[in-house]
Amino acid sequence: MITYSQFEDAHPNNDRRLHSGPSGLDVSLTRPVCAFLGPLEVRTGGRTHTVGGNRQRTLLAALLVSPGRPLAAEQLYTELWGENPPPTFENSLQAHVYRLRRTLQQLAGPDGRAPELLTRSSGYVLELGDEETDAAAFRRLAGQARACARHTPDQALHLLDEALALWRGAPFQDVTQGPMSQSVALALEEEQLCAVEDKLWLEIQLADPVHSISELKRMRTIHPWRERLTEMLMLALYRTGRQAEAVETYNSTRHRLASELGMEPSLKLRQRLQQILNQAPSLDAAVPA
């Protein structure tokens, strides 16, 4: 079963196009051919398609973990059935591969740009050609942002905005995840959180810190053990004239670490507290991440 919905695309014949970022550099706008930062989708012919059938989605998810790299049949058995494969698992896998291949061929249409599921001597491989997944696009954009953050922070912020806009929910949201896809999903969620932290840091440096305080408080509530969020909140509060709140933020974190984990705050967080208590002039300038 295939379902689809039209998505907006001002340039339907060009899935990856360029526009000028805030610093005049070219920034790619991506329309990934396969997307799994949220529900699993295949995008081709100007449409977004969802693949029906739980086993087909699980199989496609496993192949998307490393597109272009063959996966052995044994790995796919584990992804699809875990430790309890059916007695006819070899034939069952071949049947699922056949159905998924036929589905992808139907999606390709006249332009033939949908992913290809190929059989190799070493297993099965999903070929995307010159296209990429939304996860690959996210990692590429986030890497570009890190590379230029120190010298062109406005450009880095723009790249992070584009990277984070690719997320539509938890990775493989509608897939029964096997060990490989589950591991990748966990890694991607950590990378997304790091990108959000990088974005908040840049916003503190480039804009009025008051606009970041509410989001930092929200994120800190969800992730109380990430000290970078606490440090950024302390800095944002200090820069908006709320020194006492910055100190209280540190003290509440220290109390929670001690009472729940038997730990002290990191050296970096303790140093930030001392800078705030001493009203260090360096706190008023942009601070490297």
Protein backbone atom coordinates (compact mmCIF):
# COMPACT_ATOMS: atom_id res chain seq x y z
CA MET A 1 0.00 0.00 0.00
CA ILE A 2 1.26 3.48 -0.89
CA THR A 3 -0.19 6.74 0.35
CA TYR A 4 1.03 10.18 -0.56
CA SER A 5 0.39 13.87 -0.19
CA GLN A 6 1.61 16.82 -2.21
CA PHE A 7 4.32 18.89 -0.56
CA GLU A 8 5.22 22.42 -1.57
CA ASP A 9 8.22 22.74 -3.83
CA ALA A 10 8.85 25.91 -5.75
CA HIS A 11 11.43 24.08 -7.90
CA PRO A 12 10.11 20.53 -8.45
CA ASN A 13 12.95 19.56 -10.80
CA ASN A 14 15.71 20.51 -8.39
CA ASP A 15 15.65 18.82 -4.99
CA ARG A 16 18.81 20.49 -3.76
CA ARG A 17 19.14 24.17 -4.55
CA LEU A 18 21.16 27.11 -3.27
CA HIS A 19 20.33 30.46 -1.82
CA SER A 20 22.41 33.16 -0.22
CA GLY A 21 22.77 33.02 3.54
CA PRO A 22 23.06 36.08 5.80
CA SER A 23 26.80 36.36 5.25
CA GLY A 24 26.55 35.99 1.48
CA LEU A 25 27.60 32.32 1.44
CA ASP A 26 25.62 29.72 -0.45
CA VAL A 27 23.52 27.48 1.77
CA SER A 28 21.87 24.33 0.42
CA LEU A 29 18.15 23.81 0.88
CA THR A 30 17.50 20.10 1.04
CA ARG A 31 14.56 17.99 -0.03
CA PRO A 32 15.87 14.57 1.03
CA VAL A 33 14.72 11.59 -0.99
CA CYS A 34 14.18 9.55 2.19
CA ALA A 35 13.24 11.02 5.54
CA PHE A 36 13.09 9.37 8.95
CA LEU A 37 13.56 12.25 11.39
CA GLY A 38 9.95 11.64 12.31
CA PRO A 39 7.65 9.28 10.41
CA LEU A 40 9.35 7.30 7.63
CA GLU A 41 8.82 8.90 4.20
CA VAL A 42 9.98 8.47 0.63
CA ARG A 43 9.91 11.67 -1.44
CA THR A 44 9.87 11.51 -5.21
CA GLY A 45 8.05 13.09 -8.11
CA GLY A 46 7.11 16.12 -6.02
CA ARG A 47 5.21 13.98 -3.53
CA THR A 48 5.74 12.55 -0.07
CA HIS A 49 4.94 8.84 0.21
CA THR A 50 4.50 6.60 3.23
CA VAL A 51 5.22 2.90 2.97
CA GLY A 52 2.48 0.60 4.23
CA GLY A 53 3.17 -2.56 6.19
CA ASN A 54 5.11 -2.76 9.43
CA ARG A 55 7.71 -5.23 8.10
CA GLN A 56 8.33 -3.15 4.97
CA ARG A 57 8.91 -0.02 7.07
CA THR A 58 11.25 -1.92 9.39
CA LEU A 59 13.18 -3.30 6.42
CA LEU A 60 13.42 0.13 4.78
CA ALA A 61 14.54 1.68 8.08
CA ALA A 62 17.36 -0.87 8.42
CA LEU A 63 18.54 -0.22 4.87
CA LEU A 64 18.44 3.55 5.45
CA VAL A 65 20.79 3.31 8.42
CA SER A 66 23.72 3.08 5.98
CA PRO A 67 22.44 3.66 2.44
CA GLY A 68 24.85 2.48 -0.22
CA ARG A 69 26.36 -0.16 2.09
CA PRO A 70 25.23 -3.80 1.72
CA LEU A 71 23.56 -5.38 4.71
CA ALA A 72 23.92 -9.10 5.20
CA ALA A 73 20.75 -11.15 5.34
CA GLU A 74 21.62 -12.19 8.91
CA GLN A 75 21.54 -8.55 10.03
CA LEU A 76 18.16 -8.06 8.43
CA TYR A 77 16.79 -11.18 10.14
CA THR A 78 17.61 -9.61 13.49
CA GLU A 79 16.12 -6.26 12.50
CA LEU A 80 12.86 -7.82 11.37
CA TRP A 81 12.35 -10.61 13.91
CA GLY A 82 14.83 -10.13 16.72
CA GLU A 83 15.85 -13.34 18.48
CA ASN A 84 12.77 -15.26 17.32
CA PRO A 85 12.72 -15.47 13.51
CA PRO A 86 10.02 -17.62 11.91
CA PRO A 87 10.94 -21.10 10.64
CA THR A 88 10.83 -19.83 7.04
CA PHE A 89 12.76 -16.61 7.74
CA GLU A 90 14.92 -16.86 4.60
CA ASN A 91 11.89 -17.05 2.32
CA SER A 92 10.09 -14.44 4.40
CA LEU A 93 12.97 -11.98 4.01
CA GLN A 94 13.07 -12.52 0.27
CA ALA A 95 9.32 -11.88 0.09
CA HIS A 96 9.62 -8.65 2.08
CA VAL A 97 12.52 -7.51 -0.11
CA TYR A 98 10.50 -8.26 -3.22
CA ARG A 99 7.49 -6.28 -1.95
CA LEU A 100 9.59 -3.32 -0.86
CA ARG A 101 11.49 -3.27 -4.16
CA ARG A 102 8.21 -3.27 -6.06
CA THR A 103 6.89 -0.45 -3.87
CA LEU A 104 9.99 1.68 -4.51
CA GLN A 105 9.77 1.00 -8.24
CA GLN A 106 6.16 2.16 -8.23
CA LEU A 107 7.19 5.33 -6.44
CA ALA A 108 9.93 6.04 -8.98
CA GLY A 109 7.48 6.83 -11.75
CA PRO A 110 8.74 8.14 -15.09
CA ASP A 111 11.73 10.04 -13.67
CA GLY A 112 13.14 6.91 -11.96
CA ARG A 113 14.53 8.88 -9.00
CA ALA A 114 13.20 6.80 -6.12
CA PRO A 115 15.70 4.68 -4.12
CA GLU A 116 16.71 1.35 -5.63
CA LEU A 117 16.80 -1.82 -3.55
CA LEU A 118 19.48 -4.06 -5.05
CA THR A 119 20.63 -7.59 -4.33
CA ARG A 120 24.36 -8.12 -3.91
CA SER A 121 26.42 -11.23 -3.16
CA SER A 122 27.01 -9.82 0.33
CA GLY A 123 23.36 -8.98 0.97
CA TYR A 124 21.01 -6.15 0.10
CA VAL A 125 21.76 -2.47 -0.47
CA LEU A 126 19.62 0.64 -0.87
CA GLU A 127 21.08 3.02 -3.46
CA LEU A 128 20.08 6.68 -3.25
CA GLY A 129 22.25 7.90 -6.13
CA ASP A 130 23.14 11.57 -5.66
CA GLU A 131 20.39 12.08 -3.08
CA GLU A 132 20.61 11.89 0.70
CA THR A 133 18.43 11.17 3.71
CA ASP A 134 17.20 13.90 6.01
CA ALA A 135 19.50 12.51 8.72
CA ALA A 136 22.52 12.87 6.41
CA ALA A 137 21.41 16.41 5.53
CA PHE A 138 21.02 17.25 9.22
CA ARG A 139 24.49 15.98 10.04
CA ARG A 140 26.02 17.80 7.06
CA LEU A 141 24.43 21.13 7.97
CA ALA A 142 25.24 20.79 11.67
CA GLY A 143 28.86 20.00 10.78
CA GLN A 144 29.05 23.06 8.53
CA ALA A 145 27.64 25.16 11.37
CA ARG A 146 30.29 23.94 13.80
CA ALA A 147 33.01 24.66 11.25
CA CYS A 148 32.04 28.30 10.79
CA ALA A 149 30.64 29.13 14.26
CA ARG A 150 33.72 30.98 15.49
CA HIS A 151 34.32 33.18 12.44
CA THR A 152 30.80 33.62 11.01
CA PRO A 153 28.37 32.91 13.85
CA ASP A 154 25.42 34.41 11.97
CA GLN A 155 25.98 31.91 9.17
CA ALA A 156 26.29 29.09 11.70
CA LEU A 157 22.97 30.08 13.26
CA HIS A 158 21.33 30.04 9.83
CA LEU A 159 22.72 26.56 9.12
CA LEU A 160 21.50 25.24 12.47
CA ASP A 161 18.03 26.63 11.80
CA GLU A 162 17.97 24.76 8.51
CA ALA A 163 19.31 21.56 10.08
CA LEU A 164 16.80 21.54 12.92
CA ALA A 165 13.92 22.34 10.56
CA LEU A 166 14.41 18.86 9.05
CA TRP A 167 13.14 17.25 12.26
CA ARG A 168 9.46 16.27 12.32
CA GLY A 169 9.54 14.07 15.41
CA ALA A 170 11.49 11.19 16.93
CA PRO A 171 13.62 9.24 14.40
CA PHE A 172 11.79 6.25 12.87
CA GLN A 173 8.70 7.38 14.72
CA ASP A 174 6.31 4.95 13.02
CA VAL A 175 8.72 2.01 12.72
CA THR A 176 9.15 -1.05 14.92
CA GLN A 177 12.85 -0.50 15.44
CA GLY A 178 15.45 -3.23 15.27
CA PRO A 179 18.84 -2.96 17.04
CA MET A 180 20.51 -0.97 14.22
CA SER A 181 17.75 1.57 13.68
CA GLN A 182 17.22 1.94 17.42
CA SER A 183 20.92 2.66 17.96
CA VAL A 184 20.92 5.24 15.15
CA ALA A 185 17.77 6.86 16.53
CA LEU A 186 19.36 7.31 19.96
CA ALA A 187 22.53 8.79 18.44
CA LEU A 188 20.54 11.20 16.29
CA GLU A 189 18.48 12.40 19.25
CA GLU A 190 21.71 13.21 21.10
CA GLU A 191 23.05 15.06 18.05
CA GLN A 192 19.81 17.02 17.77
CA LEU A 193 20.06 18.07 21.42
CA CYS A 194 23.66 19.22 20.86
CA ALA A 195 22.54 21.23 17.83
CA VAL A 196 19.77 22.86 19.88
CA GLU A 197 22.35 23.77 22.53
CA ASP A 198 24.64 25.23 19.86
CA LYS A 199 21.75 27.27 18.47
CA LEU A 200 20.82 28.63 21.91
CA TRP A 201 24.47 29.53 22.55
CA LEU A 202 24.70 31.46 19.31
CA GLU A 203 21.43 33.24 20.04
CA ILE A 204 22.83 34.43 23.37
CA GLN A 205 25.86 35.83 21.57
CA LEU A 206 24.06 37.41 18.60
CA ALA A 207 20.75 38.61 20.04
CA ASP A 208 19.19 39.89 23.24
CA PRO A 209 19.76 37.06 25.76
CA VAL A 210 16.35 37.69 27.32
CA HIS A 211 14.74 35.92 24.36
CA SER A 212 16.64 32.71 25.15
CA ILE A 213 15.92 32.52 28.88
CA SER A 214 12.48 30.90 28.71
CA GLU A 215 13.66 28.24 26.25
CA LEU A 216 16.76 27.53 28.34
CA LYS A 217 14.60 27.09 31.43
CA ARG A 218 12.31 24.71 29.55
CA MET A 219 15.22 22.68 28.19
CA ARG A 220 16.88 22.55 31.60
CA THR A 221 13.70 21.13 33.12
CA ILE A 222 13.63 18.36 30.51
CA HIS A 223 17.40 17.69 30.69
CA PRO A 224 18.46 18.58 34.24
CA TRP A 225 21.85 16.84 34.03
CA ARG A 226 23.15 18.72 30.97
CA GLU A 227 25.38 21.31 32.61
CA ARG A 228 25.86 23.25 29.39
CA LEU A 229 22.20 24.29 29.56
CA THR A 230 22.71 25.45 33.15
CA GLU A 231 25.82 27.40 32.17
CA MET A 232 24.04 29.12 29.28
CA LEU A 233 21.08 30.00 31.50
CA MET A 234 23.42 31.47 34.11
CA LEU A 235 25.14 33.57 31.45
CA ALA A 236 21.87 34.76 29.89
CA LEU A 237 20.48 35.73 33.29
CA TYR A 238 23.67 37.60 34.19
CA ARG A 239 23.71 39.53 30.91
CA THR A 240 20.13 40.68 31.52
CA GLY A 241 20.99 42.06 34.95
CA ARG A 242 19.71 39.08 36.94
CA GLN A 243 22.89 38.12 38.76
CA ALA A 244 21.10 36.76 41.84
CA GLU A 245 19.00 34.44 39.66
CA ALA A 246 22.15 33.26 37.88
CA VAL A 247 23.72 32.33 41.23
CA GLU A 248 20.50 30.64 42.39
CA THR A 249 20.47 28.61 39.16
CA TYR A 250 23.93 27.31 40.02
CA ASN A 251 22.99 26.59 43.64
CA SER A 252 19.85 24.65 42.68
CA THR A 253 21.86 22.58 40.22
CA ARG A 254 24.57 21.89 42.79
CA HIS A 255 21.98 20.83 45.37
CA ARG A 256 20.27 18.47 42.95
CA LEU A 257 23.53 16.91 41.79
CA ALA A 258 24.63 16.35 45.39
CA SER A 259 21.32 14.99 46.67
CA GLU A 260 20.41 12.75 43.71
CA LEU A 261 23.79 11.72 42.26
CA GLY A 262 26.31 12.46 45.01
CA MET A 263 28.29 14.68 42.64
CA GLU A 264 29.63 18.22 42.49
CA PRO A 265 29.18 20.51 39.45
CA SER A 266 31.90 20.39 36.80
CA LEU A 267 34.96 22.60 36.98
CA LYS A 268 33.67 24.64 34.03
CA LEU A 269 30.39 25.38 35.78
CA ARG A 270 32.18 26.32 39.01
CA GLN A 271 34.43 28.66 37.05
CA ARG A 272 31.42 30.30 35.43
CA LEU A 273 29.95 30.89 38.89
CA GLN A 274 33.15 32.60 40.04
CA GLN A 275 33.12 34.84 36.98
CA ILE A 276 29.54 35.85 37.74
CA LEU A 277 30.28 36.50 41.42
CA ASN A 278 33.30 38.62 40.43
CA GLN A 279 31.36 40.35 37.62
CA ALA A 280 34.17 39.50 35.22
CA PRO A 281 34.30 41.90 32.24
CA SER A 282 34.69 38.94 29.89
CA LEU A 283 31.07 37.97 30.57
CA ASP A 284 29.81 41.01 28.73
CA ALA A 285 31.49 39.99 25.47
CA ALA A 286 30.82 37.05 23.20
CA VAL A 287 32.28 33.95 24.81
CA PRO A 288 33.57 31.05 22.67
CA ALA A 289 31.42 27.91 23.06
